Amino acid sequence: MKKFNAKIPVLGEGMAKFAMQQLLTQIRHQHGLTRFIQRNGVNGRWLRADEPYDIHISRFFQIVRIKAHYQTEDEFLDDWNELGEAILDEAREYYKNLYQKMND
């Protein structure tokens, strides 16, 4: 039986791409974390921060779960708070620009 491997597209512009880039950048900055994630069943090509793939949400949380296991509680919570703040800032900027366009 032939196994079908569908191509996974790269994420388009938007909040999902921004969040994945932030998470993957955090992973790249933690020494040894990329290799640890790959050894725990995550394809290494999914860990590209420059052009993240549109992976299923279950894979996203698999990466987060492995990251949480690897880091100390304080490191993980600091990264999670940083990710949340970055997403919040991006959302505020998006809606600020949207409202400006509507009022022009």
N, C-alpha and C. Protein backbone atom coordinates (compact mmCIF):
# COMPACT_ATOMS: atom_id res chain seq x y z
N MET A 1 0.85 -1.18 0.00
CA MET A 1 0.00 0.00 0.00
C MET A 1 0.89 1.24 0.00
N LYS A 2 0.57 2.16 -0.86
CA LYS A 2 1.35 3.37 -1.01
C LYS A 2 0.87 4.41 0.00
N LYS A 3 1.81 5.00 0.70
CA LYS A 3 1.46 6.02 1.69
C LYS A 3 1.46 7.39 1.02
N PHE A 4 0.44 8.16 1.26
CA PHE A 4 0.31 9.48 0.66
C PHE A 4 0.75 10.54 1.65
N ASN A 5 1.74 11.31 1.28
CA ASN A 5 2.21 12.41 2.12
C ASN A 5 1.83 13.72 1.44
N ALA A 6 0.82 14.35 1.97
CA ALA A 6 0.37 15.62 1.41
C ALA A 6 1.36 16.72 1.78
N LYS A 7 1.53 17.66 0.88
CA LYS A 7 2.39 18.81 1.16
C LYS A 7 1.70 19.70 2.18
N ILE A 8 2.47 20.15 3.16
CA ILE A 8 1.93 21.05 4.17
C ILE A 8 2.26 22.46 3.73
N PRO A 9 1.24 23.30 3.53
CA PRO A 9 1.51 24.65 3.04
C PRO A 9 2.14 25.54 4.11
N VAL A 10 2.79 26.59 3.64
CA VAL A 10 3.34 27.60 4.54
C VAL A 10 2.19 28.50 4.98
N LEU A 11 2.25 28.96 6.23
CA LEU A 11 1.19 29.84 6.74
C LEU A 11 1.16 31.15 5.97
N GLY A 12 -0.04 31.63 5.69
CA GLY A 12 -0.20 32.94 5.07
C GLY A 12 -0.07 34.03 6.12
N GLU A 13 -0.10 35.26 5.70
CA GLU A 13 0.01 36.37 6.63
C GLU A 13 -1.16 36.36 7.60
N GLY A 14 -0.91 36.78 8.81
CA GLY A 14 -1.97 36.86 9.80
C GLY A 14 -1.50 36.48 11.19
N MET A 15 -2.46 36.40 12.09
CA MET A 15 -2.17 36.15 13.49
C MET A 15 -1.55 34.76 13.72
N ALA A 16 -2.01 33.75 13.00
CA ALA A 16 -1.47 32.40 13.18
C ALA A 16 0.01 32.36 12.81
N LYS A 17 0.37 33.00 11.72
CA LYS A 17 1.77 33.04 11.32
C LYS A 17 2.60 33.79 12.36
N PHE A 18 2.08 34.91 12.84
CA PHE A 18 2.80 35.70 13.83
C PHE A 18 3.04 34.88 15.10
N ALA A 19 2.01 34.19 15.59
CA ALA A 19 2.13 33.39 16.81
C ALA A 19 3.13 32.25 16.62
N MET A 20 3.07 31.57 15.48
CA MET A 20 4.01 30.48 15.22
C MET A 20 5.44 31.00 15.14
N GLN A 21 5.63 32.16 14.50
CA GLN A 21 6.97 32.73 14.42
C GLN A 21 7.51 33.06 15.80
N GLN A 22 6.67 33.61 16.66
CA GLN A 22 7.10 33.93 18.01
C GLN A 22 7.50 32.67 18.78
N LEU A 23 6.66 31.64 18.71
CA LEU A 23 6.94 30.39 19.41
C LEU A 23 8.22 29.74 18.89
N LEU A 24 8.37 29.68 17.58
CA LEU A 24 9.54 29.03 17.00
C LEU A 24 10.82 29.82 17.24
N THR A 25 10.71 31.13 17.33
CA THR A 25 11.88 31.95 17.68
C THR A 25 12.30 31.67 19.11
N GLN A 26 11.35 31.53 20.01
CA GLN A 26 11.67 31.16 21.40
C GLN A 26 12.39 29.82 21.45
N ILE A 27 11.92 28.88 20.65
CA ILE A 27 12.53 27.55 20.62
C ILE A 27 13.96 27.63 20.12
N ARG A 28 14.19 28.42 19.08
CA ARG A 28 15.53 28.56 18.52
C ARG A 28 16.51 29.16 19.52
N HIS A 29 16.02 30.04 20.39
CA HIS A 29 16.91 30.71 21.35
C HIS A 29 17.26 29.85 22.56
N GLN A 30 16.53 28.77 22.78
CA GLN A 30 16.80 27.88 23.92
C GLN A 30 17.76 26.79 23.45
N HIS A 31 18.96 26.77 24.00
CA HIS A 31 19.99 25.82 23.58
C HIS A 31 19.52 24.38 23.76
N GLY A 32 19.55 23.61 22.67
CA GLY A 32 19.22 22.19 22.72
C GLY A 32 17.75 21.86 22.57
N LEU A 33 16.90 22.85 22.60
CA LEU A 33 15.46 22.57 22.57
C LEU A 33 15.00 22.07 21.20
N THR A 34 15.55 22.61 20.12
CA THR A 34 15.16 22.16 18.78
C THR A 34 15.45 20.67 18.61
N ARG A 35 16.63 20.24 18.99
CA ARG A 35 17.00 18.84 18.88
C ARG A 35 16.11 17.97 19.78
N PHE A 36 15.81 18.46 20.98
CA PHE A 36 14.96 17.72 21.90
C PHE A 36 13.56 17.52 21.30
N ILE A 37 13.03 18.55 20.69
CA ILE A 37 11.70 18.46 20.07
C ILE A 37 11.73 17.48 18.91
N GLN A 38 12.79 17.53 18.10
CA GLN A 38 12.90 16.60 16.97
C GLN A 38 12.99 15.16 17.46
N ARG A 39 13.69 14.93 18.54
CA ARG A 39 13.83 13.56 19.06
C ARG A 39 12.53 13.04 19.66
N ASN A 40 11.59 13.93 19.92
CA ASN A 40 10.31 13.52 20.50
C ASN A 40 9.19 13.52 19.47
N GLY A 41 9.54 13.32 18.21
CA GLY A 41 8.54 13.04 17.19
C GLY A 41 8.03 14.20 16.37
N VAL A 42 8.66 15.35 16.45
CA VAL A 42 8.22 16.50 15.64
C VAL A 42 9.19 16.67 14.48
N ASN A 43 8.65 16.77 13.30
CA ASN A 43 9.47 16.94 12.10
C ASN A 43 10.24 18.26 12.18
N GLY A 44 11.53 18.21 11.96
CA GLY A 44 12.38 19.39 12.06
C GLY A 44 12.02 20.50 11.10
N ARG A 45 11.45 20.17 9.94
CA ARG A 45 11.10 21.23 8.98
C ARG A 45 9.93 22.07 9.48
N TRP A 46 9.17 21.57 10.44
CA TRP A 46 8.07 22.35 11.00
C TRP A 46 8.56 23.42 11.95
N LEU A 47 9.85 23.42 12.27
CA LEU A 47 10.39 24.33 13.26
C LEU A 47 11.10 25.53 12.64
N ARG A 48 10.77 25.86 11.41
CA ARG A 48 11.36 27.02 10.73
C ARG A 48 10.59 28.28 11.12
N ALA A 49 11.28 29.22 11.76
CA ALA A 49 10.61 30.45 12.20
C ALA A 49 10.41 31.43 11.06
N ASP A 50 11.26 31.40 10.04
CA ASP A 50 11.14 32.37 8.95
C ASP A 50 9.89 32.16 8.11
N GLU A 51 9.55 30.91 7.83
CA GLU A 51 8.33 30.59 7.09
C GLU A 51 7.68 29.36 7.72
N PRO A 52 6.90 29.57 8.79
CA PRO A 52 6.31 28.42 9.48
C PRO A 52 5.24 27.72 8.64
N TYR A 53 5.17 26.42 8.82
CA TYR A 53 4.18 25.63 8.11
C TYR A 53 2.82 25.70 8.81
N ASP A 54 1.79 25.48 8.02
CA ASP A 54 0.41 25.48 8.52
C ASP A 54 0.11 24.09 9.09
N ILE A 55 0.68 23.81 10.26
CA ILE A 55 0.50 22.50 10.87
C ILE A 55 -0.82 22.45 11.64
N HIS A 56 -1.29 21.25 11.89
CA HIS A 56 -2.53 21.06 12.63
C HIS A 56 -2.34 21.54 14.07
N ILE A 57 -3.40 22.01 14.68
CA ILE A 57 -3.33 22.55 16.04
C ILE A 57 -2.82 21.51 17.04
N SER A 58 -3.11 20.23 16.78
CA SER A 58 -2.61 19.19 17.69
C SER A 58 -1.08 19.12 17.64
N ARG A 59 -0.48 19.35 16.49
CA ARG A 59 0.98 19.40 16.37
C ARG A 59 1.53 20.62 17.09
N PHE A 60 0.83 21.74 16.98
CA PHE A 60 1.24 22.96 17.69
C PHE A 60 1.32 22.68 19.19
N PHE A 61 0.27 22.07 19.74
CA PHE A 61 0.26 21.79 21.17
C PHE A 61 1.24 20.67 21.54
N GLN A 62 1.55 19.77 20.60
CA GLN A 62 2.59 18.78 20.86
C GLN A 62 3.93 19.49 21.05
N ILE A 63 4.22 20.48 20.22
CA ILE A 63 5.45 21.26 20.35
C ILE A 63 5.46 22.00 21.68
N VAL A 64 4.33 22.62 22.04
CA VAL A 64 4.24 23.35 23.31
C VAL A 64 4.44 22.40 24.49
N ARG A 65 3.83 21.21 24.43
CA ARG A 65 3.96 20.23 25.52
C ARG A 65 5.40 19.78 25.69
N ILE A 66 6.08 19.50 24.59
CA ILE A 66 7.49 19.09 24.66
C ILE A 66 8.34 20.23 25.20
N LYS A 67 8.05 21.44 24.76
CA LYS A 67 8.77 22.63 25.23
C LYS A 67 8.58 22.79 26.75
N ALA A 68 7.37 22.57 27.22
CA ALA A 68 7.09 22.69 28.65
C ALA A 68 7.84 21.63 29.46
N HIS A 69 7.97 20.45 28.89
CA HIS A 69 8.70 19.37 29.56
C HIS A 69 10.19 19.68 29.65
N TYR A 70 10.73 20.29 28.62
CA TYR A 70 12.17 20.56 28.54
C TYR A 70 12.59 21.71 29.46
N GLN A 71 11.76 22.76 29.52
CA GLN A 71 12.13 23.95 30.27
C GLN A 71 11.71 23.84 31.73
N THR A 72 12.31 24.71 32.56
CA THR A 72 11.84 24.82 33.93
C THR A 72 10.49 25.53 33.91
N GLU A 73 9.78 25.46 34.99
CA GLU A 73 8.47 26.11 35.06
C GLU A 73 8.58 27.61 34.84
N ASP A 74 9.56 28.24 35.46
CA ASP A 74 9.73 29.69 35.30
C ASP A 74 10.08 30.07 33.87
N GLU A 75 10.96 29.30 33.24
CA GLU A 75 11.32 29.58 31.84
C GLU A 75 10.11 29.46 30.93
N PHE A 76 9.35 28.39 31.13
CA PHE A 76 8.18 28.18 30.28
C PHE A 76 7.14 29.28 30.48
N LEU A 77 6.86 29.62 31.74
CA LEU A 77 5.87 30.66 32.00
C LEU A 77 6.32 32.03 31.49
N ASP A 78 7.61 32.32 31.60
CA ASP A 78 8.13 33.57 31.04
C ASP A 78 7.94 33.61 29.53
N ASP A 79 8.27 32.50 28.85
CA ASP A 79 8.08 32.43 27.40
C ASP A 79 6.61 32.53 27.03
N TRP A 80 5.76 31.86 27.80
CA TRP A 80 4.32 31.87 27.51
C TRP A 80 3.76 33.29 27.68
N ASN A 81 4.17 33.98 28.73
CA ASN A 81 3.73 35.36 28.94
C ASN A 81 4.25 36.27 27.83
N GLU A 82 5.50 36.06 27.42
CA GLU A 82 6.07 36.85 26.32
C GLU A 82 5.28 36.62 25.03
N LEU A 83 4.93 35.37 24.76
CA LEU A 83 4.14 35.04 23.58
C LEU A 83 2.77 35.70 23.65
N GLY A 84 2.12 35.62 24.80
CA GLY A 84 0.81 36.23 24.97
C GLY A 84 0.85 37.74 24.80
N GLU A 85 1.86 38.39 25.35
CA GLU A 85 2.00 39.84 25.19
C GLU A 85 2.25 40.23 23.73
N ALA A 86 3.07 39.44 23.04
CA ALA A 86 3.34 39.72 21.62
C ALA A 86 2.07 39.59 20.79
N ILE A 87 1.27 38.56 21.07
CA ILE A 87 0.01 38.36 20.34
C ILE A 87 -0.96 39.50 20.66
N LEU A 88 -1.03 39.90 21.92
CA LEU A 88 -1.90 40.99 22.31
C LEU A 88 -1.49 42.30 21.62
N ASP A 89 -0.21 42.58 21.59
CA ASP A 89 0.27 43.79 20.90
C ASP A 89 -0.05 43.76 19.42
N GLU A 90 0.14 42.59 18.80
CA GLU A 90 -0.17 42.44 17.37
C GLU A 90 -1.66 42.64 17.11
N ALA A 91 -2.51 42.09 17.97
CA ALA A 91 -3.95 42.24 17.80
C ALA A 91 -4.37 43.70 17.96
N ARG A 92 -3.81 44.37 18.95
CA ARG A 92 -4.13 45.80 19.14
C ARG A 92 -3.73 46.62 17.92
N GLU A 93 -2.54 46.36 17.40
CA GLU A 93 -2.06 47.09 16.22
C GLU A 93 -2.95 46.81 15.01
N TYR A 94 -3.36 45.55 14.84
CA TYR A 94 -4.23 45.18 13.73
C TYR A 94 -5.55 45.93 13.78
N TYR A 95 -6.19 45.94 14.96
CA TYR A 95 -7.49 46.61 15.07
C TYR A 95 -7.36 48.12 15.03
N LYS A 96 -6.27 48.64 15.51
CA LYS A 96 -6.02 50.08 15.41
C LYS A 96 -5.94 50.49 13.94
N ASN A 97 -5.20 49.73 13.14
CA ASN A 97 -5.09 50.01 11.71
C ASN A 97 -6.42 49.80 11.00
N LEU A 98 -7.17 48.78 11.40
CA LEU A 98 -8.47 48.51 10.79
C LEU A 98 -9.43 49.66 11.04
N TYR A 99 -9.49 50.15 12.28
CA TYR A 99 -10.38 51.26 12.61
C TYR A 99 -9.96 52.55 11.91
N GLN A 100 -8.67 52.75 11.75
CA GLN A 100 -8.19 53.93 11.02
C GLN A 100 -8.63 53.90 9.57
N LYS A 101 -8.55 52.72 8.94
CA LYS A 101 -8.98 52.56 7.57
C LYS A 101 -10.48 52.81 7.43
N MET A 102 -11.25 52.36 8.42
CA MET A 102 -12.71 52.55 8.37
C MET A 102 -13.09 54.01 8.53
N ASN A 103 -12.31 54.75 9.29
CA ASN A 103 -12.62 56.17 9.55
C ASN A 103 -12.07 57.11 8.48
N ASP A 104 -11.20 56.62 7.63
CA ASP A 104 -10.63 57.46 6.56
C ASP A 104 -11.57 57.59 5.40
